[in-house]
Amino acid sequence: MAFRVINKTLTGGNDQLTTTHTPARGFMVWNDSANAAVILLGDKNISATLFGYSIAKGSSTPFIAGSGPTTFNLDEVYLRGTNNDVARVIYLS
């Protein structure tokens, strides 16, 4: 198990957290206080009205983890936010 960090620059559309298969035991997304607006977290169908979390500026999601050996595939997690805002992602691989 390793601790990893991703800085993901958003495009203003639906952005995959990673573009390759990236298993993770758990993850957390931080919305930097310098960003323009909220960041939404969800699946590939994320929209302004359909999302899992709304992350305010200067806030984060809770640590999202499966039970036991369960892993998430980070390329199935999507973010939506303002163009050029940066999401900071911490995950355990």
C-alpha atoms as a PDB file:
ATOM      1  CA  MET A   1       0.000   0.000   0.000  1.00  0.00           C
ATOM      2  CA  ALA A   2       1.371   3.420  -0.964  1.00  0.00           C
ATOM      3  CA  PHE A   3       0.230   7.003  -0.345  1.00  0.00           C
ATOM      4  CA  ARG A   4      -0.112   8.969  -3.598  1.00  0.00           C
ATOM      5  CA  VAL A   5      -1.092  12.504  -4.662  1.00  0.00           C
ATOM      6  CA  ILE A   6      -2.547  13.846  -7.931  1.00  0.00           C
ATOM      7  CA  ASN A   7      -2.993  17.502  -8.869  1.00  0.00           C
ATOM      8  CA  LYS A   8      -5.773  17.450 -11.468  1.00  0.00           C
ATOM      9  CA  THR A   9      -6.328  20.594 -13.572  1.00  0.00           C
ATOM     10  CA  LEU A  10      -9.974  20.814 -14.562  1.00  0.00           C
ATOM     11  CA  THR A  11     -11.254  21.690 -18.037  1.00  0.00           C
ATOM     12  CA  GLY A  12     -14.724  22.970 -17.186  1.00  0.00           C
ATOM     13  CA  GLY A  13     -16.282  19.720 -18.468  1.00  0.00           C
ATOM     14  CA  ASN A  14     -16.460  16.198 -17.078  1.00  0.00           C
ATOM     15  CA  ASP A  15     -12.882  15.177 -16.230  1.00  0.00           C
ATOM     16  CA  GLN A  16     -11.787  11.629 -15.388  1.00  0.00           C
ATOM     17  CA  LEU A  17      -9.717  11.580 -12.232  1.00  0.00           C
ATOM     18  CA  THR A  18      -7.178   9.428 -14.108  1.00  0.00           C
ATOM     19  CA  THR A  19      -7.202   8.309 -17.736  1.00  0.00           C
ATOM     20  CA  THR A  20      -5.673   4.887 -17.063  1.00  0.00           C
ATOM     21  CA  HIS A  21      -6.768   2.043 -14.792  1.00  0.00           C
ATOM     22  CA  THR A  22      -5.700   3.192 -11.305  1.00  0.00           C
ATOM     23  CA  PRO A  23      -6.863   0.971  -8.432  1.00  0.00           C
ATOM     24  CA  ALA A  24      -7.117   2.672  -5.050  1.00  0.00           C
ATOM     25  CA  ARG A  25      -8.190   1.428  -1.615  1.00  0.00           C
ATOM     26  CA  GLY A  26      -9.576   4.868  -0.883  1.00  0.00           C
ATOM     27  CA  PHE A  27      -9.319   8.509  -1.896  1.00  0.00           C
ATOM     28  CA  MET A  28     -10.114  12.093  -0.920  1.00  0.00           C
ATOM     29  CA  VAL A  29     -10.533  15.204  -3.117  1.00  0.00           C
ATOM     30  CA  TRP A  30      -9.563  18.696  -1.893  1.00  0.00           C
ATOM     31  CA  ASN A  31     -10.854  21.900  -3.540  1.00  0.00           C
ATOM     32  CA  ASP A  32      -8.167  24.558  -3.097  1.00  0.00           C
ATOM     33  CA  SER A  33      -9.363  27.856  -1.577  1.00  0.00           C
ATOM     34  CA  ALA A  34      -7.830  29.749  -4.549  1.00  0.00           C
ATOM     35  CA  ASN A  35     -10.208  28.010  -6.985  1.00  0.00           C
ATOM     36  CA  ALA A  36     -13.125  29.869  -8.554  1.00  0.00           C
ATOM     37  CA  ALA A  37     -16.028  27.659  -7.455  1.00  0.00           C
ATOM     38  CA  VAL A  38     -17.213  24.300  -6.132  1.00  0.00           C
ATOM     39  CA  ILE A  39     -15.976  21.026  -7.609  1.00  0.00           C
ATOM     40  CA  LEU A  40     -18.491  18.253  -8.189  1.00  0.00           C
ATOM     41  CA  LEU A  41     -17.547  14.581  -7.834  1.00  0.00           C
ATOM     42  CA  GLY A  42     -19.449  11.726  -9.453  1.00  0.00           C
ATOM     43  CA  ASP A  43     -19.462   9.166 -12.248  1.00  0.00           C
ATOM     44  CA  LYS A  44     -19.251   9.633 -16.031  1.00  0.00           C
ATOM     45  CA  ASN A  45     -22.786  11.085 -16.061  1.00  0.00           C
ATOM     46  CA  ILE A  46     -21.932  13.917 -13.664  1.00  0.00           C
ATOM     47  CA  SER A  47     -23.789  17.183 -14.250  1.00  0.00           C
ATOM     48  CA  ALA A  48     -24.757  20.320 -12.358  1.00  0.00           C
ATOM     49  CA  THR A  49     -27.787  18.437 -10.999  1.00  0.00           C
ATOM     50  CA  LEU A  50     -26.447  14.853 -10.796  1.00  0.00           C
ATOM     51  CA  PHE A  51     -23.381  14.333  -8.608  1.00  0.00           C
ATOM     52  CA  GLY A  52     -22.180  12.499  -5.496  1.00  0.00           C
ATOM     53  CA  TYR A  53     -20.404  15.323  -3.649  1.00  0.00           C
ATOM     54  CA  SER A  54     -20.260  19.084  -3.982  1.00  0.00           C
ATOM     55  CA  ILE A  55     -16.890  20.233  -2.629  1.00  0.00           C
ATOM     56  CA  ALA A  56     -16.789  23.884  -1.517  1.00  0.00           C
ATOM     57  CA  LYS A  57     -13.657  26.006  -1.959  1.00  0.00           C
ATOM     58  CA  GLY A  58     -11.213  25.230   0.849  1.00  0.00           C
ATOM     59  CA  SER A  59     -12.974  21.940   1.665  1.00  0.00           C
ATOM     60  CA  SER A  60     -12.623  18.254   0.891  1.00  0.00           C
ATOM     61  CA  THR A  61     -14.655  15.098   0.613  1.00  0.00           C
ATOM     62  CA  PRO A  62     -14.412  12.638   3.474  1.00  0.00           C
ATOM     63  CA  PHE A  63     -11.953   9.809   2.849  1.00  0.00           C
ATOM     64  CA  ILE A  64     -13.944   7.486   0.578  1.00  0.00           C
ATOM     65  CA  ALA A  65     -12.960   3.851   1.093  1.00  0.00           C
ATOM     66  CA  GLY A  66     -14.303   0.392   0.429  1.00  0.00           C
ATOM     67  CA  SER A  67     -14.438  -2.291   3.067  1.00  0.00           C
ATOM     68  CA  GLY A  68     -11.670  -4.869   3.366  1.00  0.00           C
ATOM     69  CA  PRO A  69      -9.588  -5.404   0.228  1.00  0.00           C
ATOM     70  CA  THR A  70     -12.102  -3.589  -2.015  1.00  0.00           C
ATOM     71  CA  THR A  71     -10.550  -1.088  -4.427  1.00  0.00           C
ATOM     72  CA  PHE A  72     -11.899   1.725  -6.561  1.00  0.00           C
ATOM     73  CA  ASN A  73     -10.808   2.335 -10.128  1.00  0.00           C
ATOM     74  CA  LEU A  74      -9.991   6.050 -10.230  1.00  0.00           C
ATOM     75  CA  ASP A  75     -10.617   6.251 -13.988  1.00  0.00           C
ATOM     76  CA  GLU A  76     -14.318   5.689 -13.161  1.00  0.00           C
ATOM     77  CA  VAL A  77     -14.398   8.769 -10.897  1.00  0.00           C
ATOM     78  CA  TYR A  78     -15.172  12.131 -12.519  1.00  0.00           C
ATOM     79  CA  LEU A  79     -14.800  15.753 -11.457  1.00  0.00           C
ATOM     80  CA  ARG A  80     -16.596  18.803 -12.809  1.00  0.00           C
ATOM     81  CA  GLY A  81     -15.453  22.332 -12.030  1.00  0.00           C
ATOM     82  CA  THR A  82     -14.251  25.620 -13.436  1.00  0.00           C
ATOM     83  CA  ASN A  83     -11.699  25.571 -16.254  1.00  0.00           C
ATOM     84  CA  ASN A  84      -8.119  25.718 -14.882  1.00  0.00           C
ATOM     85  CA  ASP A  85      -9.151  25.111 -11.250  1.00  0.00           C
ATOM     86  CA  VAL A  86      -7.070  22.392  -9.591  1.00  0.00           C
ATOM     87  CA  ALA A  87      -8.346  19.443  -7.564  1.00  0.00           C
ATOM     88  CA  ARG A  88      -5.874  17.864  -5.173  1.00  0.00           C
ATOM     89  CA  VAL A  89      -6.407  14.133  -4.789  1.00  0.00           C
ATOM     90  CA  ILE A  90      -4.921  11.878  -2.137  1.00  0.00           C
ATOM     91  CA  TYR A  91      -5.273   8.124  -2.527  1.00  0.00           C
ATOM     92  CA  LEU A  92      -3.949   4.834  -1.213  1.00  0.00           C
ATOM     93  CA  SER A  93      -2.858   2.362  -3.864  1.00  0.00           C
END
